[in-house]
Amino acid sequence: MSEDVELVMAVVRREKVGDVKAALSEVGAPSLTVTEVSGRGSQPAKTEQWRGEEYTVDLHEKAKIECVVADVPTSDVVAAICDAAHTGEKGDGKVFVLPVSHAVQIRTGKEGPEAV
């Protein structure tokens, strides 16, 4: 399969999903998958209280956005995500780009970039 198909995966703040979705639509990449995830990186842990007991929250709730790109330049998709998700604070997230070795559209049987 062609190397033109890539998976752009981003982990961002949950409140930024709407902005990222709109930005992806503007650059012509409206298809995406969003999953609620939790994790930790450079964002500091928080100490909270519940029923008088202190506990530490070090896994922060995030959204993982996945977008398979074939017809739109990957750099445009990455830039759109970065611009839309940016707050300038720790915990803004990360973007990863991975090659897709094979893709098949289940309904039609199309393969490669045509499946995307």
PDB file of N, CA and C in Angstrom:
ATOM      1  N   MET A   1       0.833  -1.184   0.000  1.00  0.00           N
ATOM      2  CA  MET A   1       0.000   0.000   0.000  1.00  0.00           C
ATOM      3  C   MET A   1       0.877   1.247   0.000  1.00  0.00           C
ATOM      4  N   SER A   2       0.355   2.304  -0.500  1.00  0.00           N
ATOM      5  CA  SER A   2       1.084   3.561  -0.597  1.00  0.00           C
ATOM      6  C   SER A   2       1.418   4.114   0.783  1.00  0.00           C
ATOM      7  N   GLU A   3       2.528   4.820   0.877  1.00  0.00           N
ATOM      8  CA  GLU A   3       2.910   5.455   2.136  1.00  0.00           C
ATOM      9  C   GLU A   3       2.169   6.766   2.346  1.00  0.00           C
ATOM     10  N   ASP A   4       1.217   7.076   1.479  1.00  0.00           N
ATOM     11  CA  ASP A   4       0.472   8.326   1.580  1.00  0.00           C
ATOM     12  C   ASP A   4      -0.585   8.293   2.666  1.00  0.00           C
ATOM     13  N   VAL A   5      -0.858   7.129   3.239  1.00  0.00           N
ATOM     14  CA  VAL A   5      -1.880   7.023   4.276  1.00  0.00           C
ATOM     15  C   VAL A   5      -1.190   7.027   5.639  1.00  0.00           C
ATOM     16  N   GLU A   6      -1.601   7.966   6.497  1.00  0.00           N
ATOM     17  CA  GLU A   6      -1.002   8.080   7.824  1.00  0.00           C
ATOM     18  C   GLU A   6      -2.095   8.246   8.874  1.00  0.00           C
ATOM     19  N   LEU A   7      -1.792   7.785  10.078  1.00  0.00           N
ATOM     20  CA  LEU A   7      -2.677   7.952  11.223  1.00  0.00           C
ATOM     21  C   LEU A   7      -2.129   9.092  12.065  1.00  0.00           C
ATOM     22  N   VAL A   8      -2.931  10.122  12.239  1.00  0.00           N
ATOM     23  CA  VAL A   8      -2.571  11.227  13.126  1.00  0.00           C
ATOM     24  C   VAL A   8      -3.338  10.998  14.421  1.00  0.00           C
ATOM     25  N   MET A   9      -2.593  10.834  15.501  1.00  0.00           N
ATOM     26  CA  MET A   9      -3.196  10.558  16.803  1.00  0.00           C
ATOM     27  C   MET A   9      -2.799  11.687  17.745  1.00  0.00           C
ATOM     28  N   ALA A  10      -3.773  12.290  18.378  1.00  0.00           N
ATOM     29  CA  ALA A  10      -3.509  13.404  19.290  1.00  0.00           C
ATOM     30  C   ALA A  10      -4.190  13.138  20.623  1.00  0.00           C
ATOM     31  N   VAL A  11      -3.503  13.473  21.704  1.00  0.00           N
ATOM     32  CA  VAL A  11      -4.085  13.426  23.041  1.00  0.00           C
ATOM     33  C   VAL A  11      -4.169  14.872  23.501  1.00  0.00           C
ATOM     34  N   VAL A  12      -5.406  15.345  23.735  1.00  0.00           N
ATOM     35  CA  VAL A  12      -5.635  16.759  24.044  1.00  0.00           C
ATOM     36  C   VAL A  12      -6.569  16.900  25.242  1.00  0.00           C
ATOM     37  N   ARG A  13      -6.684  18.110  25.731  1.00  0.00           N
ATOM     38  CA  ARG A  13      -7.647  18.401  26.800  1.00  0.00           C
ATOM     39  C   ARG A  13      -9.062  18.137  26.282  1.00  0.00           C
ATOM     40  N   ARG A  14      -9.899  17.589  27.142  1.00  0.00           N
ATOM     41  CA  ARG A  14     -11.267  17.254  26.709  1.00  0.00           C
ATOM     42  C   ARG A  14     -12.040  18.472  26.236  1.00  0.00           C
ATOM     43  N   GLU A  15     -11.816  19.611  26.864  1.00  0.00           N
ATOM     44  CA  GLU A  15     -12.569  20.812  26.494  1.00  0.00           C
ATOM     45  C   GLU A  15     -12.150  21.378  25.149  1.00  0.00           C
ATOM     46  N   LYS A  16     -11.062  20.876  24.570  1.00  0.00           N
ATOM     47  CA  LYS A  16     -10.583  21.354  23.279  1.00  0.00           C
ATOM     48  C   LYS A  16     -11.056  20.496  22.100  1.00  0.00           C
ATOM     49  N   VAL A  17     -11.813  19.441  22.363  1.00  0.00           N
ATOM     50  CA  VAL A  17     -12.256  18.544  21.287  1.00  0.00           C
ATOM     51  C   VAL A  17     -13.093  19.282  20.246  1.00  0.00           C
ATOM     52  N   GLY A  18     -14.007  20.114  20.665  1.00  0.00           N
ATOM     53  CA  GLY A  18     -14.843  20.866  19.725  1.00  0.00           C
ATOM     54  C   GLY A  18     -14.021  21.764  18.820  1.00  0.00           C
ATOM     55  N   ASP A  19     -13.026  22.429  19.391  1.00  0.00           N
ATOM     56  CA  ASP A  19     -12.145  23.302  18.599  1.00  0.00           C
ATOM     57  C   ASP A  19     -11.331  22.491  17.592  1.00  0.00           C
ATOM     58  N   VAL A  20     -10.819  21.332  18.034  1.00  0.00           N
ATOM     59  CA  VAL A  20     -10.026  20.483  17.143  1.00  0.00           C
ATOM     60  C   VAL A  20     -10.903  19.941  16.021  1.00  0.00           C
ATOM     61  N   LYS A  21     -12.115  19.526  16.361  1.00  0.00           N
ATOM     62  CA  LYS A  21     -13.046  19.005  15.352  1.00  0.00           C
ATOM     63  C   LYS A  21     -13.334  20.057  14.280  1.00  0.00           C
ATOM     64  N   ALA A  22     -13.581  21.282  14.685  1.00  0.00           N
ATOM     65  CA  ALA A  22     -13.843  22.370  13.736  1.00  0.00           C
ATOM     66  C   ALA A  22     -12.607  22.651  12.882  1.00  0.00           C
ATOM     67  N   ALA A  23     -11.426  22.651  13.497  1.00  0.00           N
ATOM     68  CA  ALA A  23     -10.192  22.918  12.762  1.00  0.00           C
ATOM     69  C   ALA A  23      -9.920  21.831  11.733  1.00  0.00           C
ATOM     70  N   LEU A  24     -10.168  20.570  12.084  1.00  0.00           N
ATOM     71  CA  LEU A  24      -9.964  19.477  11.132  1.00  0.00           C
ATOM     72  C   LEU A  24     -10.934  19.580   9.961  1.00  0.00           C
ATOM     73  N   SER A  25     -12.149  19.968  10.247  1.00  0.00           N
ATOM     74  CA  SER A  25     -13.135  20.142   9.188  1.00  0.00           C
ATOM     75  C   SER A  25     -12.706  21.250   8.224  1.00  0.00           C
ATOM     76  N   GLU A  26     -12.127  22.318   8.748  1.00  0.00           N
ATOM     77  CA  GLU A  26     -11.672  23.439   7.913  1.00  0.00           C
ATOM     78  C   GLU A  26     -10.558  23.037   6.952  1.00  0.00           C
ATOM     79  N   VAL A  27      -9.681  22.107   7.370  1.00  0.00           N
ATOM     80  CA  VAL A  27      -8.576  21.698   6.494  1.00  0.00           C
ATOM     81  C   VAL A  27      -8.963  20.510   5.608  1.00  0.00           C
ATOM     82  N   GLY A  28     -10.217  20.079   5.694  1.00  0.00           N
ATOM     83  CA  GLY A  28     -10.694  19.012   4.816  1.00  0.00           C
ATOM     84  C   GLY A  28     -10.490  17.614   5.346  1.00  0.00           C
ATOM     85  N   ALA A  29     -10.338  17.473   6.656  1.00  0.00           N
ATOM     86  CA  ALA A  29     -10.181  16.158   7.272  1.00  0.00           C
ATOM     87  C   ALA A  29     -11.262  15.960   8.333  1.00  0.00           C
ATOM     88  N   PRO A  30     -12.524  15.821   7.903  1.00  0.00           N
ATOM     89  CA  PRO A  30     -13.618  15.773   8.870  1.00  0.00           C
ATOM     90  C   PRO A  30     -13.784  14.431   9.580  1.00  0.00           C
ATOM     91  N   SER A  31     -13.198  13.340   9.048  1.00  0.00           N
ATOM     92  CA  SER A  31     -13.375  12.026   9.656  1.00  0.00           C
ATOM     93  C   SER A  31     -12.419  11.860  10.830  1.00  0.00           C
ATOM     94  N   LEU A  32     -12.969  11.502  11.973  1.00  0.00           N
ATOM     95  CA  LEU A  32     -12.129  11.307  13.144  1.00  0.00           C
ATOM     96  C   LEU A  32     -12.798  10.360  14.121  1.00  0.00           C
ATOM     97  N   THR A  33     -12.016   9.846  15.034  1.00  0.00           N
ATOM     98  CA  THR A  33     -12.501   9.020  16.129  1.00  0.00           C
ATOM     99  C   THR A  33     -12.029   9.673  17.419  1.00  0.00           C
ATOM    100  N   VAL A  34     -12.930   9.810  18.393  1.00  0.00           N
ATOM    101  CA  VAL A  34     -12.590  10.421  19.670  1.00  0.00           C
ATOM    102  C   VAL A  34     -12.838   9.398  20.770  1.00  0.00           C
ATOM    103  N   THR A  35     -11.845   9.228  21.631  1.00  0.00           N
ATOM    104  CA  THR A  35     -11.936   8.305  22.753  1.00  0.00           C
ATOM    105  C   THR A  35     -11.558   9.051  24.020  1.00  0.00           C
ATOM    106  N   GLU A  36     -12.327   8.839  25.107  1.00  0.00           N
ATOM    107  CA  GLU A  36     -11.957   9.435  26.387  1.00  0.00           C
ATOM    108  C   GLU A  36     -10.897   8.543  27.031  1.00  0.00           C
ATOM    109  N   VAL A  37      -9.774   9.162  27.417  1.00  0.00           N
ATOM    110  CA  VAL A  37      -8.657   8.435  28.005  1.00  0.00           C
ATOM    111  C   VAL A  37      -8.168   9.187  29.242  1.00  0.00           C
ATOM    112  N   SER A  38      -7.295   8.564  29.990  1.00  0.00           N
ATOM    113  CA  SER A  38      -6.636   9.261  31.094  1.00  0.00           C
ATOM    114  C   SER A  38      -5.164   8.916  31.056  1.00  0.00           C
ATOM    115  N   GLY A  39      -4.353   9.846  31.519  1.00  0.00           N
ATOM    116  CA  GLY A  39      -2.919   9.619  31.500  1.00  0.00           C
ATOM    117  C   GLY A  39      -2.198  10.735  32.209  1.00  0.00           C
ATOM    118  N   ARG A  40      -0.890  10.642  32.172  1.00  0.00           N
ATOM    119  CA  ARG A  40      -0.096  11.694  32.797  1.00  0.00           C
ATOM    120  C   ARG A  40       1.138  11.968  31.974  1.00  0.00           C
ATOM    121  N   GLY A  41       1.585  13.183  32.053  1.00  0.00           N
ATOM    122  CA  GLY A  41       2.780  13.619  31.346  1.00  0.00           C
ATOM    123  C   GLY A  41       3.428  14.700  32.173  1.00  0.00           C
ATOM    124  N   SER A  42       3.604  15.873  31.595  1.00  0.00           N
ATOM    125  CA  SER A  42       4.254  16.962  32.323  1.00  0.00           C
ATOM    126  C   SER A  42       3.280  17.755  33.189  1.00  0.00           C
ATOM    127  N   GLN A  43       1.979  17.500  33.033  1.00  0.00           N
ATOM    128  CA  GLN A  43       0.980  18.196  33.831  1.00  0.00           C
ATOM    129  C   GLN A  43       1.089  17.721  35.284  1.00  0.00           C
ATOM    130  N   PRO A  44       1.197  18.640  36.250  1.00  0.00           N
ATOM    131  CA  PRO A  44       1.412  18.231  37.640  1.00  0.00           C
ATOM    132  C   PRO A  44       0.189  17.530  38.250  1.00  0.00           C
ATOM    133  N   ALA A  45       0.462  16.687  39.241  1.00  0.00           N
ATOM    134  CA  ALA A  45      -0.605  16.010  39.976  1.00  0.00           C
ATOM    135  C   ALA A  45      -1.333  17.028  40.858  1.00  0.00           C
ATOM    136  N   LYS A  46      -2.588  16.728  41.169  1.00  0.00           N
ATOM    137  CA  LYS A  46      -3.380  17.597  42.030  1.00  0.00           C
ATOM    138  C   LYS A  46      -3.740  16.831  43.298  1.00  0.00           C
ATOM    139  N   THR A  47      -3.763  17.521  44.419  1.00  0.00           N
ATOM    140  CA  THR A  47      -4.218  16.921  45.668  1.00  0.00           C
ATOM    141  C   THR A  47      -5.626  17.433  45.927  1.00  0.00           C
ATOM    142  N   GLU A  48      -6.560  16.505  46.148  1.00  0.00           N
ATOM    143  CA  GLU A  48      -7.948  16.873  46.395  1.00  0.00           C
ATOM    144  C   GLU A  48      -8.438  16.172  47.646  1.00  0.00           C
ATOM    145  N   GLN A  49      -9.621  16.568  48.101  1.00  0.00           N
ATOM    146  CA  GLN A  49     -10.215  15.931  49.271  1.00  0.00           C
ATOM    147  C   GLN A  49     -11.581  15.381  48.940  1.00  0.00           C
ATOM    148  N   TRP A  50     -11.896  14.233  49.554  1.00  0.00           N
ATOM    149  CA  TRP A  50     -13.217  13.639  49.420  1.00  0.00           C
ATOM    150  C   TRP A  50     -13.560  13.001  50.754  1.00  0.00           C
ATOM    151  N   ARG A  51     -14.639  13.441  51.353  1.00  0.00           N
ATOM    152  CA  ARG A  51     -15.081  12.971  52.668  1.00  0.00           C
ATOM    153  C   ARG A  51     -13.979  13.081  53.714  1.00  0.00           C
ATOM    154  N   GLY A  52     -13.260  14.179  53.662  1.00  0.00           N
ATOM    155  CA  GLY A  52     -12.230  14.458  54.649  1.00  0.00           C
ATOM    156  C   GLY A  52     -10.893  13.783  54.411  1.00  0.00           C
ATOM    157  N   GLU A  53     -10.809  12.951  53.403  1.00  0.00           N
ATOM    158  CA  GLU A  53      -9.561  12.259  53.095  1.00  0.00           C
ATOM    159  C   GLU A  53      -8.892  12.907  51.888  1.00  0.00           C
ATOM    160  N   GLU A  54      -7.580  13.099  51.990  1.00  0.00           N
ATOM    161  CA  GLU A  54      -6.821  13.631  50.861  1.00  0.00           C
ATOM    162  C   GLU A  54      -6.433  12.514  49.910  1.00  0.00           C
ATOM    163  N   TYR A  55      -6.469  12.806  48.634  1.00  0.00           N
ATOM    164  CA  TYR A  55      -5.990  11.856  47.636  1.00  0.00           C
ATOM    165  C   TYR A  55      -5.338  12.638  46.503  1.00  0.00           C
ATOM    166  N   THR A  56      -4.475  11.949  45.764  1.00  0.00           N
ATOM    167  CA  THR A  56      -3.732  12.578  44.681  1.00  0.00           C
ATOM    168  C   THR A  56      -4.296  12.126  43.345  1.00  0.00           C
ATOM    169  N   VAL A  57      -4.548  13.101  42.482  1.00  0.00           N
ATOM    170  CA  VAL A  57      -4.997  12.810  41.121  1.00  0.00           C
ATOM    171  C   VAL A  57      -3.804  13.042  40.202  1.00  0.00           C
ATOM    172  N   ASP A  58      -3.215  11.934  39.707  1.00  0.00           N
ATOM    173  CA  ASP A  58      -2.073  12.091  38.806  1.00  0.00           C
ATOM    174  C   ASP A  58      -2.367  11.564  37.411  1.00  0.00           C
ATOM    175  N   LEU A  59      -3.542  10.990  37.223  1.00  0.00           N
ATOM    176  CA  LEU A  59      -3.998  10.617  35.879  1.00  0.00           C
ATOM    177  C   LEU A  59      -5.087  11.608  35.489  1.00  0.00           C
ATOM    178  N   HIS A  60      -4.815  12.404  34.474  1.00  0.00           N
ATOM    179  CA  HIS A  60      -5.737  13.456  34.051  1.00  0.00           C
ATOM    180  C   HIS A  60      -6.597  12.964  32.894  1.00  0.00           C
ATOM    181  N   GLU A  61      -7.861  13.346  32.915  1.00  0.00           N
ATOM    182  CA  GLU A  61      -8.767  12.938  31.850  1.00  0.00           C
ATOM    183  C   GLU A  61      -8.484  13.745  30.593  1.00  0.00           C
ATOM    184  N   LYS A  62      -8.337  13.040  29.479  1.00  0.00           N
ATOM    185  CA  LYS A  62      -8.006  13.643  28.192  1.00  0.00           C
ATOM    186  C   LYS A  62      -8.897  13.037  27.113  1.00  0.00           C
ATOM    187  N   ALA A  63      -8.737  13.518  25.915  1.00  0.00           N
ATOM    188  CA  ALA A  63      -9.413  12.943  24.750  1.00  0.00           C
ATOM    189  C   ALA A  63      -8.336  12.536  23.746  1.00  0.00           C
ATOM    190  N   LYS A  64      -8.487  11.335  23.202  1.00  0.00           N
ATOM    191  CA  LYS A  64      -7.579  10.888  22.141  1.00  0.00           C
ATOM    192  C   LYS A  64      -8.333  11.003  20.832  1.00  0.00           C
ATOM    193  N   ILE A  65      -7.763  11.756  19.906  1.00  0.00           N
ATOM    194  CA  ILE A  65      -8.379  11.982  18.600  1.00  0.00           C
ATOM    195  C   ILE A  65      -7.523  11.273  17.563  1.00  0.00           C
ATOM    196  N   GLU A  66      -8.163  10.433  16.752  1.00  0.00           N
ATOM    197  CA  GLU A  66      -7.461   9.712  15.697  1.00  0.00           C
ATOM    198  C   GLU A  66      -8.067  10.096  14.363  1.00  0.00           C
ATOM    199  N   CYS A  67      -7.211  10.379  13.412  1.00  0.00           N
ATOM    200  CA  CYS A  67      -7.642  10.807  12.086  1.00  0.00           C
ATOM    201  C   CYS A  67      -6.733  10.139  11.063  1.00  0.00           C
ATOM    202  N   VAL A  68      -7.305   9.323  10.178  1.00  0.00           N
ATOM    203  CA  VAL A  68      -6.521   8.697   9.120  1.00  0.00           C
ATOM    204  C   VAL A  68      -6.535   9.633   7.923  1.00  0.00           C
ATOM    205  N   VAL A  69      -5.338   9.962   7.429  1.00  0.00           N
ATOM    206  CA  VAL A  69      -5.178  10.985   6.410  1.00  0.00           C
ATOM    207  C   VAL A  69      -4.644  10.378   5.123  1.00  0.00           C
ATOM    208  N   ALA A  70      -5.339  10.668   4.011  1.00  0.00           N
ATOM    209  CA  ALA A  70      -4.875  10.203   2.705  1.00  0.00           C
ATOM    210  C   ALA A  70      -4.895  11.330   1.674  1.00  0.00           C
ATOM    211  N   ASP A  71      -5.956  12.147   1.675  1.00  0.00           N
ATOM    212  CA  ASP A  71      -6.136  13.180   0.650  1.00  0.00           C
ATOM    213  C   ASP A  71      -5.675  14.571   1.078  1.00  0.00           C
ATOM    214  N   VAL A  72      -5.434  14.756   2.365  1.00  0.00           N
ATOM    215  CA  VAL A  72      -5.063  16.058   2.908  1.00  0.00           C
ATOM    216  C   VAL A  72      -3.620  15.951   3.398  1.00  0.00           C
ATOM    217  N   PRO A  73      -2.800  16.977   3.196  1.00  0.00           N
ATOM    218  CA  PRO A  73      -1.429  16.912   3.715  1.00  0.00           C
ATOM    219  C   PRO A  73      -1.414  16.708   5.230  1.00  0.00           C
ATOM    220  N   THR A  74      -0.635  15.735   5.669  1.00  0.00           N
ATOM    221  CA  THR A  74      -0.554  15.431   7.097  1.00  0.00           C
ATOM    222  C   THR A  74      -0.106  16.645   7.891  1.00  0.00           C
ATOM    223  N   SER A  75       0.804  17.427   7.332  1.00  0.00           N
ATOM    224  CA  SER A  75       1.290  18.615   8.041  1.00  0.00           C
ATOM    225  C   SER A  75       0.164  19.608   8.313  1.00  0.00           C
ATOM    226  N   ASP A  76      -0.814  19.715   7.401  1.00  0.00           N
ATOM    227  CA  ASP A  76      -1.970  20.598   7.623  1.00  0.00           C
ATOM    228  C   ASP A  76      -2.827  20.098   8.777  1.00  0.00           C
ATOM    229  N   VAL A  77      -3.004  18.776   8.852  1.00  0.00           N
ATOM    230  CA  VAL A  77      -3.805  18.171   9.925  1.00  0.00           C
ATOM    231  C   VAL A  77      -3.118  18.391  11.268  1.00  0.00           C
ATOM    232  N   VAL A  78      -1.813  18.147  11.324  1.00  0.00           N
ATOM    233  CA  VAL A  78      -1.061  18.335  12.566  1.00  0.00           C
ATOM    234  C   VAL A  78      -1.108  19.801  13.004  1.00  0.00           C
ATOM    235  N   ALA A  79      -0.910  20.710  12.070  1.00  0.00           N
ATOM    236  CA  ALA A  79      -0.944  22.144  12.399  1.00  0.00           C
ATOM    237  C   ALA A  79      -2.320  22.562  12.906  1.00  0.00           C
ATOM    238  N   ALA A  80      -3.378  22.047  12.288  1.00  0.00           N
ATOM    239  CA  ALA A  80      -4.744  22.381  12.715  1.00  0.00           C
ATOM    240  C   ALA A  80      -4.997  21.904  14.142  1.00  0.00           C
ATOM    241  N   ILE A  81      -4.550  20.691  14.449  1.00  0.00           N
ATOM    242  CA  ILE A  81      -4.733  20.154  15.803  1.00  0.00           C
ATOM    243  C   ILE A  81      -3.948  20.987  16.811  1.00  0.00           C
ATOM    244  N   CYS A  82      -2.698  21.260  16.494  1.00  0.00           N
ATOM    245  CA  CYS A  82      -1.845  22.033  17.419  1.00  0.00           C
ATOM    246  C   CYS A  82      -2.412  23.428  17.672  1.00  0.00           C
ATOM    247  N   ASP A  83      -2.837  24.104  16.626  1.00  0.00           N
ATOM    248  CA  ASP A  83      -3.395  25.451  16.781  1.00  0.00           C
ATOM    249  C   ASP A  83      -4.676  25.431  17.611  1.00  0.00           C
ATOM    250  N   ALA A  84      -5.547  24.443  17.361  1.00  0.00           N
ATOM    251  CA  ALA A  84      -6.838  24.394  18.047  1.00  0.00           C
ATOM    252  C   ALA A  84      -6.715  23.944  19.498  1.00  0.00           C
ATOM    253  N   ALA A  85      -5.740  23.102  19.808  1.00  0.00           N
ATOM    254  CA  ALA A  85      -5.612  22.549  21.153  1.00  0.00           C
ATOM    255  C   ALA A  85      -4.704  23.364  22.062  1.00  0.00           C
ATOM    256  N   HIS A  86      -4.005  24.344  21.515  1.00  0.00           N
ATOM    257  CA  HIS A  86      -3.003  25.104  22.271  1.00  0.00           C
ATOM    258  C   HIS A  86      -3.625  26.034  23.297  1.00  0.00           C
ATOM    259  N   THR A  87      -3.165  25.931  24.555  1.00  0.00           N
ATOM    260  CA  THR A  87      -3.520  26.901  25.600  1.00  0.00           C
ATOM    261  C   THR A  87      -2.275  27.569  26.155  1.00  0.00           C
ATOM    262  N   GLY A  88      -1.105  26.952  25.927  1.00  0.00           N
ATOM    263  CA  GLY A  88       0.140  27.487  26.455  1.00  0.00           C
ATOM    264  C   GLY A  88       0.473  26.975  27.845  1.00  0.00           C
ATOM    265  N   GLU A  89      -0.367  26.101  28.384  1.00  0.00           N
ATOM    266  CA  GLU A  89      -0.138  25.555  29.719  1.00  0.00           C
ATOM    267  C   GLU A  89       0.296  24.103  29.621  1.00  0.00           C
ATOM    268  N   LYS A  90       0.920  23.607  30.694  1.00  0.00           N
ATOM    269  CA  LYS A  90       1.267  22.191  30.742  1.00  0.00           C
ATOM    270  C   LYS A  90      -0.002  21.370  30.620  1.00  0.00           C
ATOM    271  N   GLY A  91       0.090  20.254  29.899  1.00  0.00           N
ATOM    272  CA  GLY A  91      -1.076  19.389  29.737  1.00  0.00           C
ATOM    273  C   GLY A  91      -1.848  19.636  28.463  1.00  0.00           C
ATOM    274  N   ASP A  92      -1.322  20.460  27.552  1.00  0.00           N
ATOM    275  CA  ASP A  92      -2.000  20.704  26.276  1.00  0.00           C
ATOM    276  C   ASP A  92      -2.096  19.437  25.436  1.00  0.00           C
ATOM    277  N   GLY A  93      -1.133  18.531  25.568  1.00  0.00           N
ATOM    278  CA  GLY A  93      -1.208  17.261  24.857  1.00  0.00           C
ATOM    279  C   GLY A  93      -0.066  17.042  23.889  1.00  0.00           C
ATOM    280  N   LYS A  94      -0.228  16.012  23.083  1.00  0.00           N
ATOM    281  CA  LYS A  94       0.795  15.619  22.114  1.00  0.00           C
ATOM    282  C   LYS A  94       0.112  15.141  20.834  1.00  0.00           C
ATOM    283  N   VAL A  95       0.874  15.174  19.722  1.00  0.00           N
ATOM    284  CA  VAL A  95       0.399  14.663  18.440  1.00  0.00           C
ATOM    285  C   VAL A  95       1.435  13.655  17.942  1.00  0.00           C
ATOM    286  N   PHE A  96       0.946  12.507  17.482  1.00  0.00           N
ATOM    287  CA  PHE A  96       1.810  11.469  16.931  1.00  0.00           C
ATOM    288  C   PHE A  96       1.353  11.162  15.511  1.00  0.00           C
ATOM    289  N   VAL A  97       2.292  10.899  14.614  1.00  0.00           N
ATOM    290  CA  VAL A  97       1.976  10.541  13.231  1.00  0.00           C
ATOM    291  C   VAL A  97       2.581   9.171  12.971  1.00  0.00           C
ATOM    292  N   LEU A  98       1.724   8.239  12.531  1.00  0.00           N
ATOM    293  CA  LEU A  98       2.147   6.860  12.281  1.00  0.00           C
ATOM    294  C   LEU A  98       1.785   6.457  10.858  1.00  0.00           C
ATOM    295  N   PRO A  99       2.628   5.685  10.191  1.00  0.00           N
ATOM    296  CA  PRO A  99       2.263   5.185   8.859  1.00  0.00           C
ATOM    297  C   PRO A  99       1.188   4.110   8.977  1.00  0.00           C
ATOM    298  N   VAL A 100       0.287   4.078   8.015  1.00  0.00           N
ATOM    299  CA  VAL A 100      -0.745   3.030   7.952  1.00  0.00           C
ATOM    300  C   VAL A 100      -0.305   2.059   6.858  1.00  0.00           C
ATOM    301  N   SER A 101      -0.042   0.820   7.241  1.00  0.00           N
ATOM    302  CA  SER A 101       0.470  -0.137   6.262  1.00  0.00           C
ATOM    303  C   SER A 101      -0.629  -0.709   5.379  1.00  0.00           C
ATOM    304  N   HIS A 102      -1.868  -0.731   5.872  1.00  0.00           N
ATOM    305  CA  HIS A 102      -2.955  -1.275   5.062  1.00  0.00           C
ATOM    306  C   HIS A 102      -4.283  -0.780   5.613  1.00  0.00           C
ATOM    307  N   ALA A 103      -5.230  -0.504   4.739  1.00  0.00           N
ATOM    308  CA  ALA A 103      -6.574  -0.087   5.145  1.00  0.00           C
ATOM    309  C   ALA A 103      -7.584  -0.737   4.210  1.00  0.00           C
ATOM    310  N   VAL A 104      -8.706  -1.201   4.778  1.00  0.00           N
ATOM    311  CA  VAL A 104      -9.775  -1.814   4.000  1.00  0.00           C
ATOM    312  C   VAL A 104     -11.097  -1.234   4.478  1.00  0.00           C
ATOM    313  N   GLN A 105     -11.907  -0.764   3.541  1.00  0.00           N
ATOM    314  CA  GLN A 105     -13.255  -0.311   3.880  1.00  0.00           C
ATOM    315  C   GLN A 105     -14.150  -1.537   3.897  1.00  0.00           C
ATOM    316  N   ILE A 106     -14.747  -1.832   5.024  1.00  0.00           N
ATOM    317  CA  ILE A 106     -15.506  -3.070   5.196  1.00  0.00           C
ATOM    318  C   ILE A 106     -16.685  -3.155   4.235  1.00  0.00           C
ATOM    319  N   ARG A 107     -17.453  -2.090   4.107  1.00  0.00           N
ATOM    320  CA  ARG A 107     -18.669  -2.127   3.289  1.00  0.00           C
ATOM    321  C   ARG A 107     -18.379  -2.402   1.821  1.00  0.00           C
ATOM    322  N   THR A 108     -17.366  -1.719   1.256  1.00  0.00           N
ATOM    323  CA  THR A 108     -17.125  -1.811  -0.191  1.00  0.00           C
ATOM    324  C   THR A 108     -15.971  -2.720  -0.576  1.00  0.00           C
ATOM    325  N   GLY A 109     -15.092  -3.008   0.390  1.00  0.00           N
ATOM    326  CA  GLY A 109     -13.910  -3.800   0.066  1.00  0.00           C
ATOM    327  C   GLY A 109     -12.782  -2.985  -0.542  1.00  0.00           C
ATOM    328  N   LYS A 110     -12.954  -1.672  -0.656  1.00  0.00           N
ATOM    329  CA  LYS A 110     -11.888  -0.823  -1.196  1.00  0.00           C
ATOM    330  C   LYS A 110     -10.682  -0.894  -0.274  1.00  0.00           C
ATOM    331  N   GLU A 111      -9.489  -0.776  -0.882  1.00  0.00           N
ATOM    332  CA  GLU A 111      -8.257  -0.868  -0.121  1.00  0.00           C
ATOM    333  C   GLU A 111      -7.372   0.338  -0.373  1.00  0.00           C
ATOM    334  N   GLY A 112      -6.430   0.545   0.535  1.00  0.00           N
ATOM    335  CA  GLY A 112      -5.468   1.635   0.382  1.00  0.00           C
ATOM    336  C   GLY A 112      -6.104   3.001   0.587  1.00  0.00           C
ATOM    337  N   PRO A 113      -5.568   4.005  -0.094  1.00  0.00           N
ATOM    338  CA  PRO A 113      -6.110   5.370   0.068  1.00  0.00           C
ATOM    339  C   PRO A 113      -7.594   5.473  -0.281  1.00  0.00           C
ATOM    340  N   GLU A 114      -8.074   4.632  -1.189  1.00  0.00           N
ATOM    341  CA  GLU A 114      -9.501   4.663  -1.545  1.00  0.00           C
ATOM    342  C   GLU A 114     -10.389   4.248  -0.379  1.00  0.00           C
ATOM    343  N   ALA A 115      -9.843   3.462   0.543  1.00  0.00           N
ATOM    344  CA  ALA A 115     -10.619   3.010   1.706  1.00  0.00           C
ATOM    345  C   ALA A 115     -10.808   4.110   2.730  1.00  0.00           C
ATOM    346  N   VAL A 116      -9.929   5.095   2.679  1.00  0.00           N
ATOM    347  CA  VAL A 116      -9.975   6.175   3.659  1.00  0.00           C
ATOM    348  C   VAL A 116     -10.984   7.203   3.215  1.00  0.00           C
TER     349      VAL A 116
END
